[in-house]
Amino acid sequence: MDINYSNIKITRQIILFNMVTLDNRFEGPNGEIDWHNVDDEFNRFTAEQFETVDTLLFGRKTYQLMESFWPTKQAKEQSPVIAALMSNTEKIVCSKTLGNVDWSNSRLVTNIKEELLNLKNKQGKDIMIFGSADLSKTLIKLGMIDELRLMVNPVVLGKGKPFFRGIKGQLNLHLLKVRMFNSGNILLYYKPLYK
């Protein structure tokens, strides 16, 4: 089913947040994310982001990664505030291969376009994607990402998976603002300029 987005008033934004390296990798060649530059300042920033968000979007891989850590005792001891936010926030899992989702406040959807159109038109706070490179690519192709927040970590992997792999054609971005962190991370806020 094709949906015409031009006549629809959007009330919520879909915001994509991801950690990337200086050479645009979102994970190492074997899925490593041990290069993430995370400290107390980053955790405070993460809690700030949740103030404007009430729904999280995940693809299958990222959902399974998050579910394997955030509900655990270790996560609750290391980052109690973030662990509680992750568990208590509504989570939409976009997958055609998962049979079910068990993490609290999670639900599975298979028709991404229709679901996100409905979500964007409901009252509420913004919707955020953490990671989920394949889902992000799909939503960029659909023109449904309203803002990109890329946290550039001061590291070069030299190999691994590029975040924007599979994006065909040119996607222009308008820089909205920049935020620098004491750790050396730089957060770039962009608005996609879809053609």
Foldseek 3Di string as FASTA:
>chain_A
DDDDPPPDDFAAAEEEEAEAAPVQFRAFAVRHPPLDLDDPVNLVVVLVVLVQAQEEEAEDVVLVVCVVPLVDPVNCVVRVSVSCSVQRGAYEYADPPDPADDRHNYGYDDPVVVVVSVVRPDDDGYYYYYQRLVVVLVCVVVVRHFKYKYWYAHDDNVHHHHSNPPNPDDKDWDWDDWDADPNRIIITMTGIDDD
